[in-house]
Amino acid sequence: MAVRSTARASWEGDLAKGSGIVSAGSSGRFEALPVSWAARTEAHGGKTSPEELLAAAHASCFAMALSAGLGRAGTPPTRLDVTASVTFDRVSEKWTVVSSELEVRGAVPGVDAAVFAKAAEDAKEGCPISRALKGNVQLKVSATLG
């Protein structure tokens, strides 16, 4: 069964000086988060950006994929802490999401560092957000137990 998720955005003004808001449509869990061009290219200044939202999506998707893979292997995690860092930069004069780097620290009983690193690499390749980005965005993962 397909699940459809929605979000809404509105924008006022030109790109450089304008601003907007983004809200969750499906869950309603966030409303009217402020966004701006400066939050994307200079400093966040208390505002979010599409890239920050992409990082949140990638971190949570990866955490689920890694948990699922470890669980299927009979070694479910006790805890996974994931940070995704999305880089937005100019490429041939066009602003582009160029990379998403995942860092995970996990507590996984019965697993050594090599097994955890392999599971993290598999999760990076298999999570749906990674698959959506693959071929367009450089993906990396760093995995640490502890």
N, C-alpha and C. Protein backbone atom coordinates (compact mmCIF):
# COMPACT_ATOMS: atom_id res chain seq x y z
N MET A 1 0.84 -1.18 0.00
CA MET A 1 0.00 0.00 0.00
C MET A 1 0.89 1.25 0.00
N ALA A 2 0.67 2.12 -0.91
CA ALA A 2 1.43 3.37 -0.99
C ALA A 2 0.93 4.35 0.06
N VAL A 3 1.84 5.07 0.64
CA VAL A 3 1.52 6.12 1.61
C VAL A 3 1.99 7.43 1.03
N ARG A 4 1.14 8.41 1.08
CA ARG A 4 1.47 9.73 0.54
C ARG A 4 1.64 10.71 1.69
N SER A 5 2.74 11.43 1.70
CA SER A 5 3.00 12.45 2.72
C SER A 5 2.97 13.82 2.06
N THR A 6 2.50 14.81 2.80
CA THR A 6 2.40 16.15 2.23
C THR A 6 3.01 17.19 3.18
N ALA A 7 3.43 18.27 2.60
CA ALA A 7 3.88 19.45 3.32
C ALA A 7 3.44 20.66 2.51
N ARG A 8 3.34 21.79 3.19
CA ARG A 8 2.92 23.02 2.51
C ARG A 8 3.99 24.10 2.72
N ALA A 9 4.16 24.94 1.74
CA ALA A 9 5.07 26.08 1.87
C ALA A 9 4.42 27.29 1.23
N SER A 10 4.73 28.45 1.79
CA SER A 10 4.34 29.71 1.15
C SER A 10 5.53 30.66 1.23
N TRP A 11 5.62 31.54 0.26
CA TRP A 11 6.76 32.45 0.13
C TRP A 11 6.24 33.83 -0.20
N GLU A 12 6.88 34.85 0.39
CA GLU A 12 6.54 36.24 0.08
C GLU A 12 7.81 36.99 -0.26
N GLY A 13 7.77 37.74 -1.35
CA GLY A 13 8.90 38.58 -1.73
C GLY A 13 9.84 37.89 -2.69
N ASP A 14 10.93 38.61 -2.99
CA ASP A 14 11.92 38.05 -3.91
C ASP A 14 12.79 37.03 -3.17
N LEU A 15 13.67 36.39 -3.90
CA LEU A 15 14.48 35.33 -3.31
C LEU A 15 15.40 35.85 -2.21
N ALA A 16 16.14 36.90 -2.49
CA ALA A 16 17.16 37.37 -1.55
C ALA A 16 16.58 37.96 -0.27
N LYS A 17 15.53 38.73 -0.37
CA LYS A 17 14.98 39.41 0.80
C LYS A 17 13.67 38.83 1.29
N GLY A 18 13.09 37.95 0.52
CA GLY A 18 11.82 37.36 0.90
C GLY A 18 11.98 36.31 1.98
N SER A 19 10.86 35.76 2.38
CA SER A 19 10.86 34.69 3.37
C SER A 19 9.59 33.87 3.22
N GLY A 20 9.60 32.74 3.87
CA GLY A 20 8.45 31.88 3.77
C GLY A 20 8.28 31.03 5.01
N ILE A 21 7.31 30.13 4.91
CA ILE A 21 7.05 29.17 5.98
C ILE A 21 6.79 27.81 5.36
N VAL A 22 7.09 26.78 6.12
CA VAL A 22 6.81 25.41 5.70
C VAL A 22 6.10 24.72 6.86
N SER A 23 5.10 23.90 6.51
CA SER A 23 4.31 23.20 7.52
C SER A 23 4.09 21.76 7.10
N ALA A 24 4.00 20.88 8.08
CA ALA A 24 3.68 19.48 7.81
C ALA A 24 2.20 19.38 7.47
N GLY A 25 1.91 18.70 6.38
CA GLY A 25 0.52 18.49 6.01
C GLY A 25 -0.01 17.19 6.55
N SER A 26 0.77 16.14 6.44
CA SER A 26 0.30 14.80 6.80
C SER A 26 0.17 14.61 8.30
N SER A 27 1.21 14.95 9.04
CA SER A 27 1.20 14.70 10.48
C SER A 27 0.73 15.90 11.29
N GLY A 28 0.92 17.10 10.74
CA GLY A 28 0.61 18.29 11.50
C GLY A 28 1.58 18.56 12.64
N ARG A 29 2.71 17.88 12.66
CA ARG A 29 3.65 17.97 13.78
C ARG A 29 4.49 19.23 13.78
N PHE A 30 4.57 19.93 12.67
CA PHE A 30 5.22 21.24 12.70
C PHE A 30 4.41 22.18 11.83
N GLU A 31 4.36 23.42 12.28
CA GLU A 31 3.52 24.40 11.63
C GLU A 31 4.30 25.71 11.48
N ALA A 32 4.28 26.26 10.29
CA ALA A 32 4.81 27.59 10.02
C ALA A 32 6.27 27.76 10.44
N LEU A 33 7.12 26.78 10.10
CA LEU A 33 8.56 26.95 10.34
C LEU A 33 9.08 27.99 9.35
N PRO A 34 9.77 29.01 9.83
CA PRO A 34 10.26 30.04 8.93
C PRO A 34 11.44 29.53 8.09
N VAL A 35 11.45 29.92 6.81
CA VAL A 35 12.52 29.58 5.88
C VAL A 35 12.95 30.86 5.15
N SER A 36 14.23 30.86 4.72
CA SER A 36 14.71 32.00 3.95
C SER A 36 15.89 31.55 3.10
N TRP A 37 16.21 32.37 2.10
CA TRP A 37 17.38 32.08 1.27
C TRP A 37 18.65 32.17 2.11
N ALA A 38 18.72 33.15 2.99
CA ALA A 38 19.89 33.30 3.84
C ALA A 38 20.11 32.07 4.72
N ALA A 39 19.03 31.43 5.17
CA ALA A 39 19.17 30.21 5.98
C ALA A 39 19.78 29.07 5.16
N ARG A 40 19.66 29.14 3.87
CA ARG A 40 20.24 28.12 2.99
C ARG A 40 21.69 28.41 2.65
N THR A 41 22.04 29.68 2.52
CA THR A 41 23.34 30.02 1.94
C THR A 41 24.28 30.80 2.85
N GLU A 42 23.81 31.28 3.99
CA GLU A 42 24.65 32.09 4.87
C GLU A 42 24.63 31.53 6.28
N ALA A 43 23.67 31.95 7.08
CA ALA A 43 23.53 31.48 8.46
C ALA A 43 22.06 31.19 8.72
N HIS A 44 21.81 30.17 9.50
CA HIS A 44 20.42 29.76 9.72
C HIS A 44 19.61 30.83 10.43
N GLY A 45 20.18 31.53 11.39
CA GLY A 45 19.48 32.63 12.04
C GLY A 45 18.12 32.25 12.59
N GLY A 46 18.00 31.05 13.12
CA GLY A 46 16.74 30.62 13.71
C GLY A 46 15.70 30.14 12.70
N LYS A 47 16.10 30.06 11.44
CA LYS A 47 15.18 29.59 10.40
C LYS A 47 15.66 28.25 9.87
N THR A 48 14.78 27.50 9.28
CA THR A 48 15.15 26.22 8.71
C THR A 48 15.39 26.38 7.22
N SER A 49 15.73 25.28 6.57
CA SER A 49 15.97 25.28 5.13
C SER A 49 15.55 23.93 4.58
N PRO A 50 15.32 23.86 3.27
CA PRO A 50 15.02 22.55 2.68
C PRO A 50 16.13 21.53 2.97
N GLU A 51 17.38 22.00 3.03
CA GLU A 51 18.49 21.08 3.28
C GLU A 51 18.47 20.55 4.71
N GLU A 52 18.08 21.38 5.67
CA GLU A 52 17.95 20.89 7.05
C GLU A 52 16.83 19.87 7.14
N LEU A 53 15.74 20.13 6.46
CA LEU A 53 14.63 19.18 6.45
C LEU A 53 15.03 17.88 5.75
N LEU A 54 15.84 17.98 4.69
CA LEU A 54 16.36 16.80 4.02
C LEU A 54 17.28 16.01 4.96
N ALA A 55 18.12 16.73 5.72
CA ALA A 55 18.99 16.06 6.68
C ALA A 55 18.17 15.31 7.73
N ALA A 56 17.10 15.92 8.21
CA ALA A 56 16.23 15.25 9.18
C ALA A 56 15.60 14.00 8.58
N ALA A 57 15.16 14.12 7.34
CA ALA A 57 14.56 12.96 6.66
C ALA A 57 15.59 11.84 6.48
N HIS A 58 16.80 12.21 6.08
CA HIS A 58 17.83 11.20 5.84
C HIS A 58 18.25 10.53 7.15
N ALA A 59 18.45 11.32 8.20
CA ALA A 59 18.86 10.75 9.49
C ALA A 59 17.82 9.78 10.02
N SER A 60 16.56 10.15 9.96
CA SER A 60 15.52 9.27 10.51
C SER A 60 15.31 8.03 9.65
N CYS A 61 15.37 8.19 8.33
CA CYS A 61 15.22 7.05 7.43
C CYS A 61 16.36 6.06 7.64
N PHE A 62 17.59 6.57 7.71
CA PHE A 62 18.76 5.73 7.91
C PHE A 62 18.67 4.99 9.24
N ALA A 63 18.26 5.68 10.30
CA ALA A 63 18.13 5.04 11.61
C ALA A 63 17.16 3.87 11.55
N MET A 64 16.06 4.05 10.86
CA MET A 64 15.07 2.96 10.71
C MET A 64 15.65 1.81 9.91
N ALA A 65 16.33 2.12 8.81
CA ALA A 65 16.92 1.08 7.96
C ALA A 65 17.99 0.30 8.71
N LEU A 66 18.83 0.99 9.47
CA LEU A 66 19.87 0.31 10.24
C LEU A 66 19.27 -0.55 11.34
N SER A 67 18.27 -0.04 12.03
CA SER A 67 17.59 -0.82 13.05
C SER A 67 16.97 -2.08 12.46
N ALA A 68 16.35 -1.93 11.30
CA ALA A 68 15.72 -3.09 10.64
C ALA A 68 16.77 -4.12 10.24
N GLY A 69 17.87 -3.69 9.65
CA GLY A 69 18.92 -4.62 9.23
C GLY A 69 19.54 -5.35 10.40
N LEU A 70 19.83 -4.62 11.47
CA LEU A 70 20.40 -5.26 12.66
C LEU A 70 19.41 -6.23 13.28
N GLY A 71 18.15 -5.86 13.28
CA GLY A 71 17.11 -6.74 13.82
C GLY A 71 16.98 -8.02 13.00
N ARG A 72 17.02 -7.89 11.69
CA ARG A 72 16.94 -9.09 10.83
C ARG A 72 18.13 -10.01 11.07
N ALA A 73 19.27 -9.44 11.45
CA ALA A 73 20.48 -10.24 11.71
C ALA A 73 20.47 -10.84 13.12
N GLY A 74 19.42 -10.56 13.88
CA GLY A 74 19.32 -11.11 15.24
C GLY A 74 20.05 -10.30 16.29
N THR A 75 20.46 -9.08 15.93
CA THR A 75 21.19 -8.21 16.87
C THR A 75 20.55 -6.82 16.88
N PRO A 76 19.33 -6.71 17.37
CA PRO A 76 18.67 -5.40 17.37
C PRO A 76 19.43 -4.40 18.23
N PRO A 77 19.44 -3.14 17.81
CA PRO A 77 20.16 -2.12 18.58
C PRO A 77 19.40 -1.75 19.85
N THR A 78 20.16 -1.34 20.85
CA THR A 78 19.56 -0.74 22.03
C THR A 78 19.29 0.73 21.75
N ARG A 79 20.24 1.36 21.04
CA ARG A 79 20.10 2.78 20.70
C ARG A 79 20.95 3.11 19.48
N LEU A 80 20.42 3.99 18.65
CA LEU A 80 21.16 4.53 17.51
C LEU A 80 21.00 6.05 17.53
N ASP A 81 22.10 6.77 17.53
CA ASP A 81 22.09 8.23 17.44
C ASP A 81 22.70 8.61 16.10
N VAL A 82 21.90 9.24 15.25
CA VAL A 82 22.31 9.53 13.88
C VAL A 82 22.29 11.04 13.63
N THR A 83 23.33 11.52 13.00
CA THR A 83 23.40 12.89 12.51
C THR A 83 23.60 12.83 11.00
N ALA A 84 22.80 13.57 10.27
CA ALA A 84 23.00 13.72 8.83
C ALA A 84 23.41 15.16 8.58
N SER A 85 24.47 15.35 7.82
CA SER A 85 24.94 16.68 7.44
C SER A 85 24.82 16.82 5.93
N VAL A 86 23.90 17.66 5.50
CA VAL A 86 23.66 17.89 4.08
C VAL A 86 24.39 19.16 3.66
N THR A 87 25.16 19.07 2.58
CA THR A 87 25.90 20.21 2.06
C THR A 87 25.22 20.76 0.81
N PHE A 88 25.01 22.06 0.81
CA PHE A 88 24.39 22.81 -0.28
C PHE A 88 25.45 23.77 -0.80
N ASP A 89 25.82 23.66 -2.08
CA ASP A 89 26.93 24.45 -2.60
C ASP A 89 26.69 24.74 -4.08
N ARG A 90 27.47 25.64 -4.61
CA ARG A 90 27.40 25.95 -6.04
C ARG A 90 28.17 24.91 -6.84
N VAL A 91 27.53 24.44 -7.89
CA VAL A 91 28.16 23.53 -8.85
C VAL A 91 27.84 24.11 -10.22
N SER A 92 28.88 24.51 -10.93
CA SER A 92 28.70 25.14 -12.24
C SER A 92 27.69 26.29 -12.17
N GLU A 93 27.85 27.12 -11.14
CA GLU A 93 27.02 28.30 -10.92
C GLU A 93 25.57 27.99 -10.55
N LYS A 94 25.25 26.74 -10.27
CA LYS A 94 23.90 26.38 -9.83
C LYS A 94 23.97 25.83 -8.42
N TRP A 95 23.10 26.33 -7.54
CA TRP A 95 23.05 25.81 -6.18
C TRP A 95 22.54 24.37 -6.21
N THR A 96 23.24 23.50 -5.48
CA THR A 96 23.00 22.06 -5.58
C THR A 96 23.23 21.39 -4.22
N VAL A 97 22.40 20.43 -3.89
CA VAL A 97 22.69 19.56 -2.75
C VAL A 97 23.76 18.60 -3.25
N VAL A 98 24.96 18.70 -2.66
CA VAL A 98 26.09 17.92 -3.17
C VAL A 98 26.40 16.67 -2.35
N SER A 99 26.06 16.69 -1.05
CA SER A 99 26.38 15.51 -0.24
C SER A 99 25.47 15.40 0.97
N SER A 100 25.37 14.17 1.45
CA SER A 100 24.74 13.90 2.73
C SER A 100 25.63 12.91 3.45
N GLU A 101 26.19 13.35 4.57
CA GLU A 101 27.09 12.52 5.35
C GLU A 101 26.39 12.09 6.63
N LEU A 102 26.32 10.80 6.83
CA LEU A 102 25.67 10.22 8.00
C LEU A 102 26.72 9.81 9.02
N GLU A 103 26.47 10.13 10.26
CA GLU A 103 27.29 9.65 11.37
C GLU A 103 26.37 8.95 12.33
N VAL A 104 26.73 7.72 12.70
CA VAL A 104 25.90 6.97 13.65
C VAL A 104 26.77 6.43 14.77
N ARG A 105 26.26 6.58 15.97
CA ARG A 105 26.85 5.96 17.16
C ARG A 105 25.77 5.00 17.66
N GLY A 106 26.17 3.75 17.85
CA GLY A 106 25.19 2.76 18.23
C GLY A 106 25.57 1.93 19.44
N ALA A 107 24.56 1.52 20.15
CA ALA A 107 24.70 0.53 21.21
C ALA A 107 24.01 -0.73 20.69
N VAL A 108 24.82 -1.73 20.36
CA VAL A 108 24.29 -2.94 19.73
C VAL A 108 24.95 -4.15 20.38
N PRO A 109 24.29 -4.77 21.34
CA PRO A 109 24.88 -5.93 22.02
C PRO A 109 25.20 -7.05 21.03
N GLY A 110 26.38 -7.64 21.21
CA GLY A 110 26.77 -8.79 20.41
C GLY A 110 27.34 -8.47 19.04
N VAL A 111 27.61 -7.19 18.76
CA VAL A 111 28.12 -6.79 17.45
C VAL A 111 29.46 -6.10 17.63
N ASP A 112 30.44 -6.44 16.77
CA ASP A 112 31.73 -5.75 16.82
C ASP A 112 31.73 -4.60 15.82
N ALA A 113 32.80 -3.83 15.83
CA ALA A 113 32.88 -2.62 14.99
C ALA A 113 32.76 -2.93 13.50
N ALA A 114 33.37 -4.01 13.05
CA ALA A 114 33.32 -4.35 11.62
C ALA A 114 31.90 -4.72 11.18
N VAL A 115 31.22 -5.49 11.98
CA VAL A 115 29.83 -5.88 11.67
C VAL A 115 28.93 -4.65 11.67
N PHE A 116 29.14 -3.76 12.65
CA PHE A 116 28.33 -2.54 12.74
C PHE A 116 28.59 -1.64 11.53
N ALA A 117 29.84 -1.50 11.14
CA ALA A 117 30.18 -0.68 9.97
C ALA A 117 29.53 -1.23 8.70
N LYS A 118 29.55 -2.54 8.54
CA LYS A 118 28.93 -3.18 7.37
C LYS A 118 27.42 -2.97 7.38
N ALA A 119 26.81 -3.12 8.55
CA ALA A 119 25.36 -2.90 8.65
C ALA A 119 25.01 -1.45 8.34
N ALA A 120 25.86 -0.52 8.79
CA ALA A 120 25.62 0.90 8.51
C ALA A 120 25.75 1.19 7.01
N GLU A 121 26.74 0.60 6.38
CA GLU A 121 26.92 0.78 4.94
C GLU A 121 25.72 0.22 4.18
N ASP A 122 25.25 -0.95 4.58
CA ASP A 122 24.07 -1.55 3.95
C ASP A 122 22.84 -0.66 4.13
N ALA A 123 22.67 -0.10 5.33
CA ALA A 123 21.53 0.78 5.60
C ALA A 123 21.63 2.05 4.77
N LYS A 124 22.84 2.59 4.63
CA LYS A 124 23.03 3.79 3.80
C LYS A 124 22.60 3.51 2.37
N GLU A 125 22.96 2.35 1.86
CA GLU A 125 22.59 1.99 0.49
C GLU A 125 21.11 1.68 0.34
N GLY A 126 20.49 1.15 1.40
CA GLY A 126 19.13 0.65 1.28
C GLY A 126 18.02 1.55 1.75
N CYS A 127 18.33 2.58 2.53
CA CYS A 127 17.21 3.39 3.04
C CYS A 127 16.58 4.16 1.88
N PRO A 128 15.25 4.32 1.90
CA PRO A 128 14.57 4.97 0.78
C PRO A 128 15.05 6.39 0.46
N ILE A 129 15.43 7.17 1.46
CA ILE A 129 15.92 8.51 1.17
C ILE A 129 17.27 8.42 0.46
N SER A 130 18.15 7.52 0.92
CA SER A 130 19.43 7.32 0.21
C SER A 130 19.19 6.92 -1.23
N ARG A 131 18.24 6.02 -1.44
CA ARG A 131 17.97 5.57 -2.81
C ARG A 131 17.43 6.71 -3.66
N ALA A 132 16.67 7.62 -3.07
CA ALA A 132 16.17 8.78 -3.81
C ALA A 132 17.30 9.73 -4.18
N LEU A 133 18.32 9.82 -3.32
CA LEU A 133 19.44 10.73 -3.55
C LEU A 133 20.53 10.12 -4.42
N LYS A 134 20.63 8.80 -4.43
CA LYS A 134 21.73 8.10 -5.08
C LYS A 134 21.85 8.50 -6.56
N GLY A 135 23.09 8.74 -6.97
CA GLY A 135 23.35 9.14 -8.35
C GLY A 135 23.37 10.64 -8.53
N ASN A 136 22.82 11.37 -7.56
CA ASN A 136 22.80 12.83 -7.62
C ASN A 136 23.57 13.48 -6.49
N VAL A 137 23.66 12.78 -5.37
CA VAL A 137 24.23 13.33 -4.15
C VAL A 137 25.25 12.34 -3.61
N GLN A 138 26.43 12.83 -3.23
CA GLN A 138 27.44 11.95 -2.65
C GLN A 138 26.98 11.53 -1.26
N LEU A 139 26.99 10.23 -1.00
CA LEU A 139 26.54 9.68 0.28
C LEU A 139 27.71 9.03 1.00
N LYS A 140 27.83 9.33 2.30
CA LYS A 140 28.87 8.72 3.13
C LYS A 140 28.26 8.33 4.46
N VAL A 141 28.88 7.32 5.11
CA VAL A 141 28.46 6.95 6.45
C VAL A 141 29.69 6.64 7.29
N SER A 142 29.62 7.05 8.54
CA SER A 142 30.64 6.76 9.53
C SER A 142 29.93 6.14 10.72
N ALA A 143 30.38 4.95 11.14
CA ALA A 143 29.69 4.22 12.20
C ALA A 143 30.63 3.93 13.36
N THR A 144 30.17 4.19 14.58
CA THR A 144 30.95 3.97 15.79
C THR A 144 30.08 3.29 16.83
N LEU A 145 30.62 2.29 17.49
CA LEU A 145 29.93 1.66 18.61
C LEU A 145 30.30 2.40 19.88
N GLY A 146 29.37 2.42 20.81
CA GLY A 146 29.71 3.02 22.11
C GLY A 146 28.64 3.86 22.69
